[in-house]
């Protein structure tokens, strides 16, 4: 995209593109274009964790892939929900 600044054309890449004209490109096209803790989502390097894990789960990114785990003291399917581990019932 170019605009006239006085008598000089000034060109920039369109929104969501990076580089210097005429070599504009999307930020990424595959995951390996991004840092290992990000994934290529919608042509941008982003954190893949939001919306990936269940309630109370923790998300870490390993090689562009979100990994969900239940924190200490919780159990369950980390992609659905992590529930507190019940305290043992003591017999009197």
N, C-alpha and C. Protein backbone atom coordinates (compact mmCIF):
# COMPACT_ATOMS: atom_id res chain seq x y z
N UNK A 1 0.86 -1.16 0.00
CA UNK A 1 0.00 0.00 0.00
C UNK A 1 0.92 1.23 0.00
N UNK A 2 0.71 2.10 -0.96
CA UNK A 2 1.56 3.28 -1.09
C UNK A 2 0.73 4.56 -1.00
N UNK A 3 1.34 5.57 -0.40
CA UNK A 3 0.72 6.89 -0.29
C UNK A 3 1.75 7.93 -0.74
N UNK A 4 1.25 9.03 -1.21
CA UNK A 4 2.15 10.12 -1.60
C UNK A 4 2.42 10.99 -0.38
N UNK A 5 3.68 11.21 -0.12
CA UNK A 5 4.10 12.11 0.95
C UNK A 5 4.84 13.25 0.25
N UNK A 6 4.10 14.30 -0.04
CA UNK A 6 4.64 15.34 -0.91
C UNK A 6 4.72 14.76 -2.31
N UNK A 7 5.93 14.72 -2.86
CA UNK A 7 6.11 14.12 -4.18
C UNK A 7 6.78 12.77 -4.10
N UNK A 8 6.94 12.25 -2.88
CA UNK A 8 7.61 10.97 -2.69
C UNK A 8 6.61 9.89 -2.29
N UNK A 9 6.62 8.75 -2.99
CA UNK A 9 5.74 7.66 -2.57
C UNK A 9 6.32 6.96 -1.34
N UNK A 10 5.45 6.67 -0.38
CA UNK A 10 5.85 5.94 0.82
C UNK A 10 5.00 4.68 0.87
N UNK A 11 5.66 3.54 0.84
CA UNK A 11 4.94 2.26 0.80
C UNK A 11 5.11 1.51 2.12
N UNK A 12 4.03 0.90 2.55
CA UNK A 12 4.04 0.06 3.75
C UNK A 12 3.26 -1.21 3.45
N UNK A 13 3.49 -2.21 4.26
CA UNK A 13 2.72 -3.45 4.13
C UNK A 13 1.32 -3.23 4.68
N UNK A 14 0.36 -3.93 4.11
CA UNK A 14 -1.02 -3.84 4.59
C UNK A 14 -1.12 -4.44 5.99
N UNK A 15 -2.22 -4.14 6.69
CA UNK A 15 -2.44 -4.71 8.02
C UNK A 15 -2.29 -6.22 7.98
N UNK A 16 -1.76 -6.77 9.06
CA UNK A 16 -1.54 -8.21 9.23
C UNK A 16 -0.42 -8.77 8.36
N UNK A 17 0.36 -7.91 7.71
CA UNK A 17 1.50 -8.36 6.93
C UNK A 17 2.76 -7.70 7.47
N UNK A 18 3.90 -8.38 7.31
CA UNK A 18 5.17 -7.85 7.79
C UNK A 18 6.15 -7.81 6.63
N UNK A 19 7.25 -7.12 6.82
CA UNK A 19 8.28 -7.02 5.80
C UNK A 19 8.34 -5.62 5.23
N UNK A 20 9.08 -5.50 4.16
CA UNK A 20 9.22 -4.22 3.47
C UNK A 20 8.72 -4.40 2.04
N UNK A 21 7.84 -3.51 1.59
CA UNK A 21 7.33 -3.62 0.22
C UNK A 21 8.49 -3.63 -0.78
N UNK A 22 8.43 -4.39 -1.80
CA UNK A 22 7.29 -5.20 -2.26
C UNK A 22 7.30 -6.62 -1.68
N UNK A 23 8.10 -6.86 -0.65
CA UNK A 23 8.23 -8.21 -0.08
C UNK A 23 7.42 -8.36 1.20
N UNK A 24 6.14 -8.06 1.15
CA UNK A 24 5.27 -8.22 2.31
C UNK A 24 4.79 -9.66 2.38
N UNK A 25 4.66 -10.16 3.60
CA UNK A 25 4.18 -11.53 3.79
C UNK A 25 3.44 -11.62 5.10
N UNK A 26 2.64 -12.68 5.24
CA UNK A 26 1.98 -12.91 6.53
C UNK A 26 3.06 -13.27 7.54
N UNK A 27 2.74 -13.12 8.82
CA UNK A 27 3.72 -13.39 9.87
C UNK A 27 4.17 -14.85 9.84
N UNK A 28 3.25 -15.75 9.51
CA UNK A 28 3.59 -17.17 9.45
C UNK A 28 2.63 -17.89 8.51
N UNK A 29 3.07 -19.05 8.06
CA UNK A 29 2.17 -19.91 7.29
C UNK A 29 2.15 -21.32 7.87
N UNK A 30 3.20 -21.67 8.61
CA UNK A 30 3.26 -22.95 9.32
C UNK A 30 3.83 -22.71 10.72
N UNK A 31 3.59 -23.64 11.63
CA UNK A 31 4.03 -23.47 13.02
C UNK A 31 5.52 -23.20 13.14
N UNK A 32 6.34 -23.82 12.31
CA UNK A 32 7.78 -23.65 12.45
C UNK A 32 8.24 -22.23 12.12
N UNK A 33 7.37 -21.40 11.55
CA UNK A 33 7.69 -19.98 11.35
C UNK A 33 7.66 -19.21 12.67
N UNK A 34 7.10 -19.81 13.71
CA UNK A 34 6.91 -19.15 15.01
C UNK A 34 7.88 -19.71 16.04
N UNK A 35 8.01 -19.00 17.16
CA UNK A 35 8.78 -19.51 18.29
C UNK A 35 8.13 -20.80 18.79
N UNK A 36 8.88 -21.65 19.47
CA UNK A 36 8.38 -22.95 19.91
C UNK A 36 7.19 -22.83 20.86
N UNK A 37 7.06 -21.69 21.55
CA UNK A 37 5.94 -21.52 22.50
C UNK A 37 4.74 -20.82 21.86
N UNK A 38 4.72 -20.74 20.53
CA UNK A 38 3.60 -20.15 19.81
C UNK A 38 3.22 -21.07 18.65
N UNK A 39 2.02 -20.85 18.11
CA UNK A 39 1.55 -21.60 16.95
C UNK A 39 1.07 -20.60 15.90
N UNK A 40 1.09 -21.03 14.64
CA UNK A 40 0.62 -20.18 13.55
C UNK A 40 -0.90 -20.31 13.48
N UNK A 41 -1.59 -19.28 13.93
CA UNK A 41 -3.06 -19.27 13.96
C UNK A 41 -3.51 -18.04 13.18
N UNK A 42 -4.24 -18.26 12.10
CA UNK A 42 -4.71 -17.14 11.28
C UNK A 42 -3.58 -16.30 10.72
N UNK A 43 -2.51 -16.95 10.28
CA UNK A 43 -1.34 -16.29 9.69
C UNK A 43 -0.57 -15.42 10.68
N UNK A 44 -0.79 -15.60 11.99
CA UNK A 44 -0.05 -14.86 13.02
C UNK A 44 0.47 -15.84 14.06
N UNK A 45 1.63 -15.54 14.63
CA UNK A 45 2.17 -16.34 15.72
C UNK A 45 1.44 -15.94 16.99
N UNK A 46 0.78 -16.92 17.60
CA UNK A 46 -0.03 -16.64 18.79
C UNK A 46 0.14 -17.75 19.83
N UNK A 47 -0.26 -17.43 21.04
CA UNK A 47 -0.31 -18.41 22.13
C UNK A 47 -1.46 -19.37 21.83
N UNK A 48 -1.20 -20.67 21.68
CA UNK A 48 -2.27 -21.61 21.37
C UNK A 48 -3.08 -22.05 22.59
N UNK A 49 -2.72 -21.58 23.78
CA UNK A 49 -3.40 -22.05 25.00
C UNK A 49 -4.85 -21.57 25.17
N UNK A 50 -5.18 -20.31 24.92
CA UNK A 50 -6.55 -19.88 25.20
C UNK A 50 -7.60 -20.78 24.55
N UNK A 51 -8.48 -21.32 25.40
CA UNK A 51 -9.56 -22.18 24.92
C UNK A 51 -9.17 -23.62 24.70
N UNK A 52 -7.92 -23.99 24.98
CA UNK A 52 -7.47 -25.36 24.72
C UNK A 52 -7.72 -26.31 25.89
N UNK A 53 -7.64 -25.81 27.11
CA UNK A 53 -7.71 -26.67 28.28
C UNK A 53 -9.03 -26.50 29.03
N UNK A 54 -9.31 -27.48 29.88
CA UNK A 54 -10.53 -27.45 30.67
C UNK A 54 -10.40 -26.55 31.89
N UNK A 55 -11.46 -26.50 32.66
CA UNK A 55 -11.54 -25.68 33.87
C UNK A 55 -10.47 -26.13 34.86
N UNK A 56 -9.77 -25.18 35.44
CA UNK A 56 -8.72 -25.38 36.45
C UNK A 56 -7.45 -26.01 35.91
N UNK A 57 -7.38 -26.30 34.61
CA UNK A 57 -6.18 -26.93 34.04
C UNK A 57 -5.12 -25.89 33.74
N UNK A 58 -3.88 -26.36 33.68
CA UNK A 58 -2.76 -25.51 33.32
C UNK A 58 -2.33 -25.85 31.90
N UNK A 59 -1.98 -24.85 31.16
CA UNK A 59 -1.55 -25.05 29.77
C UNK A 59 -0.10 -24.64 29.61
N UNK A 60 0.69 -25.51 29.02
CA UNK A 60 2.05 -25.17 28.61
C UNK A 60 2.14 -25.51 27.13
N UNK A 61 3.01 -24.82 26.44
CA UNK A 61 3.16 -25.05 25.00
C UNK A 61 4.48 -25.77 24.77
N UNK A 62 4.40 -26.93 24.14
CA UNK A 62 5.57 -27.72 23.81
C UNK A 62 5.60 -27.89 22.30
N UNK A 63 6.63 -27.33 21.67
CA UNK A 63 6.79 -27.44 20.23
C UNK A 63 5.52 -27.05 19.48
N UNK A 64 4.99 -25.87 19.79
CA UNK A 64 3.83 -25.26 19.13
C UNK A 64 2.49 -25.87 19.52
N UNK A 65 2.49 -26.86 20.39
CA UNK A 65 1.26 -27.58 20.73
C UNK A 65 0.89 -27.35 22.19
N UNK A 66 -0.36 -26.96 22.47
CA UNK A 66 -0.77 -26.79 23.87
C UNK A 66 -0.85 -28.14 24.58
N UNK A 67 -0.30 -28.19 25.79
CA UNK A 67 -0.35 -29.39 26.61
C UNK A 67 -1.06 -29.02 27.90
N UNK A 68 -2.13 -29.74 28.19
CA UNK A 68 -2.95 -29.44 29.37
C UNK A 68 -2.67 -30.45 30.47
N UNK A 69 -2.55 -29.96 31.70
CA UNK A 69 -2.35 -30.82 32.86
C UNK A 69 -3.16 -30.28 34.03
N UNK A 70 -3.55 -31.19 34.90
CA UNK A 70 -4.21 -30.78 36.14
C UNK A 70 -3.13 -30.41 37.14
N UNK A 71 -3.29 -29.31 37.87
CA UNK A 71 -2.29 -28.92 38.85
C UNK A 71 -2.27 -29.88 40.04
N UNK A 72 -1.24 -29.75 40.85
CA UNK A 72 -1.12 -30.58 42.05
C UNK A 72 -2.36 -30.39 42.92
N UNK A 73 -2.89 -31.50 43.41
CA UNK A 73 -4.09 -31.46 44.24
C UNK A 73 -5.38 -31.56 43.45
N UNK A 74 -5.27 -31.67 42.13
CA UNK A 74 -6.44 -31.79 41.26
C UNK A 74 -6.30 -33.05 40.40
N UNK A 75 -7.42 -33.54 39.93
CA UNK A 75 -7.44 -34.71 39.07
C UNK A 75 -8.55 -34.57 38.04
N UNK A 76 -8.47 -35.36 36.99
CA UNK A 76 -9.53 -35.34 35.97
C UNK A 76 -8.96 -35.27 34.58
N UNK A 77 -9.83 -35.06 33.62
CA UNK A 77 -9.43 -34.90 32.23
C UNK A 77 -9.09 -33.43 32.02
N UNK A 78 -7.82 -33.14 31.86
CA UNK A 78 -7.37 -31.74 31.79
C UNK A 78 -7.92 -30.99 30.58
N UNK A 79 -8.50 -31.71 29.62
CA UNK A 79 -9.12 -31.04 28.47
C UNK A 79 -10.58 -30.70 28.75
N UNK A 80 -11.13 -31.25 29.84
CA UNK A 80 -12.53 -30.97 30.20
C UNK A 80 -12.59 -30.20 31.52
N UNK A 81 -12.14 -30.82 32.61
CA UNK A 81 -12.11 -30.13 33.90
C UNK A 81 -11.19 -30.87 34.87
N UNK A 82 -10.55 -30.12 35.73
CA UNK A 82 -9.74 -30.68 36.81
C UNK A 82 -10.47 -30.38 38.11
N UNK A 83 -10.72 -31.42 38.87
CA UNK A 83 -11.46 -31.29 40.13
C UNK A 83 -10.51 -31.52 41.30
N UNK A 84 -10.76 -30.86 42.44
CA UNK A 84 -9.92 -31.09 43.61
C UNK A 84 -9.98 -32.56 44.03
N UNK A 85 -8.83 -33.10 44.39
CA UNK A 85 -8.80 -34.47 44.90
C UNK A 85 -9.43 -34.44 46.29
N UNK A 86 -10.45 -35.28 46.51
CA UNK A 86 -11.12 -35.27 47.82
C UNK A 86 -10.16 -35.71 48.93
N UNK A 87 -10.35 -35.13 50.10
CA UNK A 87 -9.56 -35.54 51.26
C UNK A 87 -9.98 -36.94 51.65
N UNK A 88 -9.02 -37.76 52.11
CA UNK A 88 -9.39 -39.11 52.53
C UNK A 88 -10.34 -39.06 53.73
N UNK A 89 -11.28 -39.96 53.72
CA UNK A 89 -12.24 -40.03 54.83
C UNK A 89 -11.60 -40.85 55.94
N UNK A 90 -11.47 -40.24 57.11
CA UNK A 90 -10.86 -40.96 58.22
C UNK A 90 -11.92 -41.78 58.94
N UNK A 91 -11.52 -43.01 59.29
CA UNK A 91 -12.44 -43.89 60.03
C UNK A 91 -12.16 -43.74 61.51
N UNK A 92 -13.20 -43.50 62.26
CA UNK A 92 -13.03 -43.32 63.71
C UNK A 92 -13.36 -44.59 64.43
